[in-house]
């Protein structure tokens, strides 16, 4: 039985295809909670709503995340950190403002 001779370049290409497929079909969310809106996030992962069955997973680092979910008011100091976090995320990346504090300043 002959084994196919696969060089390193092809192995990396195959790995990238599989990795891109997996990333394409699931969302890794990094929550940036600065206020009362952050308390609404844990229930979405519990059994009643179970966001994981739709392919939504929590992320611990910006480099793993596809979506930056911002909850709460952003002051000037925290805005700098959010921008730095966004810059650390890999493509494709998305941002969602969650709650009235994030969207219109809580007015």
N, C-alpha and C. Protein backbone atom coordinates (compact mmCIF):
# COMPACT_ATOMS: atom_id res chain seq x y z
N UNK A 1 0.85 -1.17 0.00
CA UNK A 1 0.00 0.00 0.00
C UNK A 1 0.89 1.23 0.00
N UNK A 2 0.64 2.12 -0.93
CA UNK A 2 1.45 3.33 -1.03
C UNK A 2 0.80 4.46 -0.24
N UNK A 3 1.61 5.20 0.47
CA UNK A 3 1.11 6.38 1.16
C UNK A 3 1.41 7.61 0.31
N UNK A 4 0.48 8.53 0.23
CA UNK A 4 0.72 9.71 -0.60
C UNK A 4 1.81 10.58 0.01
N UNK A 5 2.60 11.15 -0.84
CA UNK A 5 3.67 12.03 -0.40
C UNK A 5 3.13 13.46 -0.37
N UNK A 6 2.88 13.96 0.83
CA UNK A 6 2.33 15.31 0.99
C UNK A 6 3.43 16.18 1.59
N UNK A 7 3.77 17.24 0.89
CA UNK A 7 4.81 18.12 1.41
C UNK A 7 4.22 19.08 2.45
N UNK A 8 5.10 19.83 3.09
CA UNK A 8 4.68 20.71 4.18
C UNK A 8 3.75 21.82 3.70
N UNK A 9 3.98 22.32 2.50
CA UNK A 9 3.14 23.40 1.98
C UNK A 9 1.70 22.92 1.81
N UNK A 10 1.53 21.71 1.31
CA UNK A 10 0.18 21.16 1.15
C UNK A 10 -0.48 20.89 2.49
N UNK A 11 0.31 20.45 3.47
CA UNK A 11 -0.24 20.22 4.81
C UNK A 11 -0.76 21.52 5.41
N UNK A 12 -0.01 22.60 5.24
CA UNK A 12 -0.45 23.89 5.76
C UNK A 12 -1.70 24.38 5.03
N UNK A 13 -1.76 24.15 3.75
CA UNK A 13 -2.92 24.56 2.97
C UNK A 13 -4.17 23.80 3.40
N UNK A 14 -4.02 22.50 3.61
CA UNK A 14 -5.15 21.68 4.07
C UNK A 14 -5.59 22.13 5.46
N UNK A 15 -4.63 22.39 6.32
CA UNK A 15 -4.95 22.86 7.67
C UNK A 15 -5.69 24.20 7.62
N UNK A 16 -5.24 25.10 6.75
CA UNK A 16 -5.90 26.40 6.62
C UNK A 16 -7.33 26.26 6.10
N UNK A 17 -7.54 25.35 5.18
CA UNK A 17 -8.89 25.13 4.65
C UNK A 17 -9.82 24.63 5.75
N UNK A 18 -9.35 23.68 6.53
CA UNK A 18 -10.17 23.14 7.63
C UNK A 18 -10.41 24.21 8.69
N UNK A 19 -9.38 24.96 9.02
CA UNK A 19 -9.50 26.01 10.03
C UNK A 19 -10.47 27.11 9.56
N UNK A 20 -10.38 27.51 8.32
CA UNK A 20 -11.29 28.53 7.80
C UNK A 20 -12.73 28.03 7.75
N UNK A 21 -12.91 26.75 7.43
CA UNK A 21 -14.25 26.17 7.43
C UNK A 21 -14.85 26.22 8.83
N UNK A 22 -14.07 25.83 9.82
CA UNK A 22 -14.56 25.82 11.20
C UNK A 22 -14.87 27.24 11.68
N UNK A 23 -14.02 28.19 11.35
CA UNK A 23 -14.26 29.57 11.75
C UNK A 23 -15.46 30.16 11.03
N UNK A 24 -15.68 29.73 9.81
CA UNK A 24 -16.78 30.27 9.02
C UNK A 24 -18.13 29.86 9.59
N UNK A 25 -18.19 28.70 10.20
CA UNK A 25 -19.47 28.16 10.65
C UNK A 25 -19.70 28.28 12.15
N UNK A 26 -18.91 29.04 12.86
CA UNK A 26 -19.16 29.28 14.27
C UNK A 26 -18.67 30.68 14.64
N UNK A 27 -19.31 31.27 15.62
CA UNK A 27 -18.94 32.61 16.08
C UNK A 27 -18.35 32.51 17.48
N UNK A 28 -17.18 33.07 17.65
CA UNK A 28 -16.56 33.15 18.96
C UNK A 28 -16.72 34.59 19.43
N UNK A 29 -17.38 34.75 20.56
CA UNK A 29 -17.75 36.07 21.05
C UNK A 29 -16.87 36.45 22.23
N UNK A 30 -16.30 37.65 22.17
CA UNK A 30 -15.57 38.22 23.29
C UNK A 30 -16.43 39.33 23.86
N UNK A 31 -16.89 39.16 25.09
CA UNK A 31 -17.76 40.15 25.72
C UNK A 31 -16.92 41.17 26.46
N UNK A 32 -17.20 42.43 26.21
CA UNK A 32 -16.53 43.53 26.90
C UNK A 32 -17.61 44.26 27.68
N UNK A 33 -17.80 43.87 28.93
CA UNK A 33 -18.86 44.42 29.75
C UNK A 33 -18.37 45.51 30.68
N UNK A 34 -18.96 46.70 30.58
CA UNK A 34 -18.55 47.81 31.44
C UNK A 34 -19.68 48.29 32.33
N UNK A 35 -20.85 47.71 32.21
CA UNK A 35 -21.96 48.20 33.01
C UNK A 35 -22.98 47.13 33.28
N UNK A 36 -24.21 47.58 33.48
CA UNK A 36 -25.28 46.66 33.86
C UNK A 36 -25.68 45.72 32.73
N UNK A 37 -25.36 46.03 31.49
CA UNK A 37 -25.72 45.15 30.38
C UNK A 37 -24.98 43.83 30.41
N UNK A 38 -23.83 43.80 31.08
CA UNK A 38 -23.03 42.58 31.13
C UNK A 38 -23.73 41.46 31.91
N UNK A 39 -24.64 41.83 32.79
CA UNK A 39 -25.33 40.80 33.57
C UNK A 39 -26.34 40.03 32.72
N UNK A 40 -26.69 40.56 31.57
CA UNK A 40 -27.63 39.89 30.68
C UNK A 40 -26.97 38.80 29.84
N UNK A 41 -25.66 38.76 29.78
CA UNK A 41 -24.97 37.80 28.91
C UNK A 41 -24.94 36.37 29.45
N UNK A 42 -24.65 36.12 30.72
CA UNK A 42 -24.60 34.72 31.18
C UNK A 42 -25.88 33.92 30.96
N UNK A 43 -27.07 34.51 31.10
CA UNK A 43 -28.27 33.69 30.83
C UNK A 43 -28.37 33.19 29.39
N UNK A 44 -27.74 33.86 28.44
CA UNK A 44 -27.82 33.38 27.05
C UNK A 44 -27.07 32.07 26.86
N UNK A 45 -26.15 31.75 27.74
CA UNK A 45 -25.40 30.51 27.62
C UNK A 45 -26.00 29.38 28.46
N UNK A 46 -27.03 29.67 29.25
CA UNK A 46 -27.64 28.63 30.08
C UNK A 46 -28.60 27.78 29.24
N UNK A 47 -29.16 26.78 29.87
CA UNK A 47 -29.95 25.80 29.12
C UNK A 47 -31.23 26.37 28.52
N UNK A 48 -31.76 27.45 29.07
CA UNK A 48 -33.01 27.99 28.52
C UNK A 48 -32.81 28.58 27.12
N UNK A 49 -31.74 29.35 26.93
CA UNK A 49 -31.50 29.97 25.63
C UNK A 49 -30.42 29.24 24.84
N UNK A 50 -29.41 28.74 25.52
CA UNK A 50 -28.39 27.86 24.95
C UNK A 50 -27.84 28.34 23.61
N UNK A 51 -27.09 29.42 23.65
CA UNK A 51 -26.51 29.99 22.42
C UNK A 51 -25.49 29.06 21.78
N UNK A 52 -24.93 28.14 22.55
CA UNK A 52 -23.92 27.23 21.99
C UNK A 52 -24.50 26.28 20.95
N UNK A 53 -25.77 25.97 21.04
CA UNK A 53 -26.35 25.07 20.03
C UNK A 53 -26.43 25.73 18.66
N UNK A 54 -26.33 27.06 18.63
CA UNK A 54 -26.31 27.79 17.36
C UNK A 54 -24.88 28.08 16.90
N UNK A 55 -23.90 27.53 17.59
CA UNK A 55 -22.51 27.72 17.19
C UNK A 55 -21.86 28.94 17.79
N UNK A 56 -22.47 29.55 18.80
CA UNK A 56 -21.91 30.74 19.43
C UNK A 56 -21.16 30.30 20.68
N UNK A 57 -19.89 30.62 20.74
CA UNK A 57 -19.05 30.22 21.87
C UNK A 57 -18.41 31.45 22.48
N UNK A 58 -18.12 31.38 23.75
CA UNK A 58 -17.40 32.45 24.41
C UNK A 58 -15.91 32.33 24.14
N UNK A 59 -15.25 33.45 24.14
CA UNK A 59 -13.81 33.48 23.88
C UNK A 59 -13.11 34.17 25.03
N UNK A 60 -11.91 33.71 25.33
CA UNK A 60 -11.15 34.30 26.43
C UNK A 60 -10.18 35.37 25.96
N UNK A 61 -9.77 35.32 24.71
CA UNK A 61 -8.79 36.28 24.21
C UNK A 61 -9.29 36.91 22.91
N UNK A 62 -8.84 38.12 22.60
CA UNK A 62 -9.25 38.77 21.35
C UNK A 62 -8.75 38.02 20.11
N UNK A 63 -7.66 37.32 20.22
CA UNK A 63 -7.10 36.62 19.06
C UNK A 63 -7.95 35.43 18.63
N UNK A 64 -8.80 34.95 19.52
CA UNK A 64 -9.70 33.84 19.18
C UNK A 64 -11.08 34.31 18.76
N UNK A 65 -11.40 35.56 19.02
CA UNK A 65 -12.77 36.05 18.85
C UNK A 65 -13.06 36.52 17.43
N UNK A 66 -14.31 36.29 17.01
CA UNK A 66 -14.82 36.81 15.75
C UNK A 66 -15.70 38.04 15.99
N UNK A 67 -16.35 38.07 17.16
CA UNK A 67 -17.30 39.14 17.48
C UNK A 67 -16.90 39.79 18.79
N UNK A 68 -16.85 41.11 18.79
CA UNK A 68 -16.63 41.88 20.02
C UNK A 68 -17.98 42.42 20.45
N UNK A 69 -18.48 41.92 21.57
CA UNK A 69 -19.80 42.31 22.07
C UNK A 69 -19.59 43.31 23.20
N UNK A 70 -19.98 44.56 22.96
CA UNK A 70 -19.76 45.63 23.93
C UNK A 70 -21.07 45.89 24.67
N UNK A 71 -21.02 45.78 25.99
CA UNK A 71 -22.19 46.06 26.82
C UNK A 71 -21.81 47.13 27.82
N UNK A 72 -22.58 48.18 27.87
CA UNK A 72 -22.33 49.24 28.83
C UNK A 72 -21.74 50.48 28.18
N UNK A 73 -21.66 51.51 28.98
CA UNK A 73 -21.18 52.81 28.53
C UNK A 73 -19.67 52.79 28.34
N UNK A 74 -19.18 53.43 27.30
CA UNK A 74 -17.75 53.52 27.05
C UNK A 74 -17.26 54.93 27.31
N UNK A 75 -16.40 55.07 28.30
CA UNK A 75 -15.75 56.35 28.56
C UNK A 75 -14.51 56.47 27.68
N UNK A 76 -13.86 57.61 27.72
CA UNK A 76 -12.67 57.83 26.89
C UNK A 76 -11.57 56.84 27.21
N UNK A 77 -11.37 56.56 28.49
CA UNK A 77 -10.31 55.62 28.88
C UNK A 77 -10.63 54.20 28.42
N UNK A 78 -11.87 53.79 28.55
CA UNK A 78 -12.21 52.44 28.13
C UNK A 78 -12.28 52.32 26.61
N UNK A 79 -12.57 53.40 25.92
CA UNK A 79 -12.62 53.37 24.46
C UNK A 79 -11.25 53.01 23.88
N UNK A 80 -10.19 53.51 24.49
CA UNK A 80 -8.84 53.18 24.03
C UNK A 80 -8.58 51.68 24.15
N UNK A 81 -9.05 51.09 25.23
CA UNK A 81 -8.85 49.64 25.42
C UNK A 81 -9.69 48.83 24.44
N UNK A 82 -10.89 49.31 24.16
CA UNK A 82 -11.74 48.60 23.19
C UNK A 82 -11.11 48.64 21.80
N UNK A 83 -10.55 49.79 21.43
CA UNK A 83 -9.89 49.90 20.13
C UNK A 83 -8.69 48.97 20.07
N UNK A 84 -7.92 48.90 21.14
CA UNK A 84 -6.76 47.99 21.17
C UNK A 84 -7.22 46.53 21.08
N UNK A 85 -8.29 46.20 21.77
CA UNK A 85 -8.84 44.84 21.70
C UNK A 85 -9.31 44.52 20.29
N UNK A 86 -9.98 45.47 19.65
CA UNK A 86 -10.45 45.27 18.28
C UNK A 86 -9.28 45.05 17.32
N UNK A 87 -8.21 45.80 17.50
CA UNK A 87 -7.05 45.66 16.63
C UNK A 87 -6.36 44.31 16.80
N UNK A 88 -6.50 43.67 17.96
CA UNK A 88 -5.88 42.37 18.20
C UNK A 88 -6.68 41.22 17.59
N UNK A 89 -7.91 41.47 17.23
CA UNK A 89 -8.76 40.42 16.66
C UNK A 89 -8.34 40.12 15.23
N UNK A 90 -8.52 38.85 14.83
CA UNK A 90 -8.19 38.44 13.47
C UNK A 90 -9.40 38.66 12.56
N UNK A 91 -9.14 38.75 11.27
CA UNK A 91 -10.21 38.89 10.28
C UNK A 91 -10.90 37.54 10.09
N UNK A 92 -12.16 37.47 9.83
CA UNK A 92 -13.16 38.53 9.84
C UNK A 92 -13.55 38.87 11.27
N UNK A 93 -13.82 40.13 11.52
CA UNK A 93 -14.17 40.57 12.87
C UNK A 93 -15.36 41.51 12.82
N UNK A 94 -16.20 41.42 13.84
CA UNK A 94 -17.42 42.19 13.90
C UNK A 94 -17.57 42.78 15.30
N UNK A 95 -18.33 43.87 15.40
CA UNK A 95 -18.61 44.52 16.68
C UNK A 95 -20.12 44.67 16.82
N UNK A 96 -20.63 44.33 18.01
CA UNK A 96 -22.05 44.49 18.29
C UNK A 96 -22.18 45.32 19.56
N UNK A 97 -22.96 46.39 19.47
CA UNK A 97 -23.30 47.19 20.65
C UNK A 97 -24.57 46.62 21.26
N UNK A 98 -24.52 46.28 22.54
CA UNK A 98 -25.62 45.56 23.20
C UNK A 98 -26.18 46.45 24.31
N UNK A 99 -27.42 46.88 24.18
CA UNK A 99 -28.07 47.68 25.21
C UNK A 99 -28.07 49.16 24.90
N UNK A 100 -28.92 49.89 25.62
CA UNK A 100 -29.07 51.32 25.33
C UNK A 100 -27.86 52.14 25.78
N UNK A 101 -27.15 51.70 26.81
CA UNK A 101 -25.96 52.45 27.24
C UNK A 101 -24.89 52.47 26.15
N UNK A 102 -24.70 51.37 25.50
CA UNK A 102 -23.69 51.30 24.45
C UNK A 102 -24.13 52.05 23.21
N UNK A 103 -25.37 51.93 22.86
CA UNK A 103 -25.84 52.50 21.59
C UNK A 103 -26.04 54.00 21.66
N UNK A 104 -26.67 54.51 22.74
CA UNK A 104 -26.94 55.95 22.78
C UNK A 104 -26.52 56.61 24.09
N UNK A 105 -25.64 56.00 24.83
CA UNK A 105 -25.14 56.61 26.06
C UNK A 105 -26.08 56.48 27.24
N UNK A 106 -27.09 55.63 27.16
CA UNK A 106 -28.00 55.41 28.28
C UNK A 106 -29.09 56.46 28.39
N UNK A 107 -29.29 57.22 27.36
CA UNK A 107 -30.31 58.29 27.40
C UNK A 107 -31.68 57.74 27.08
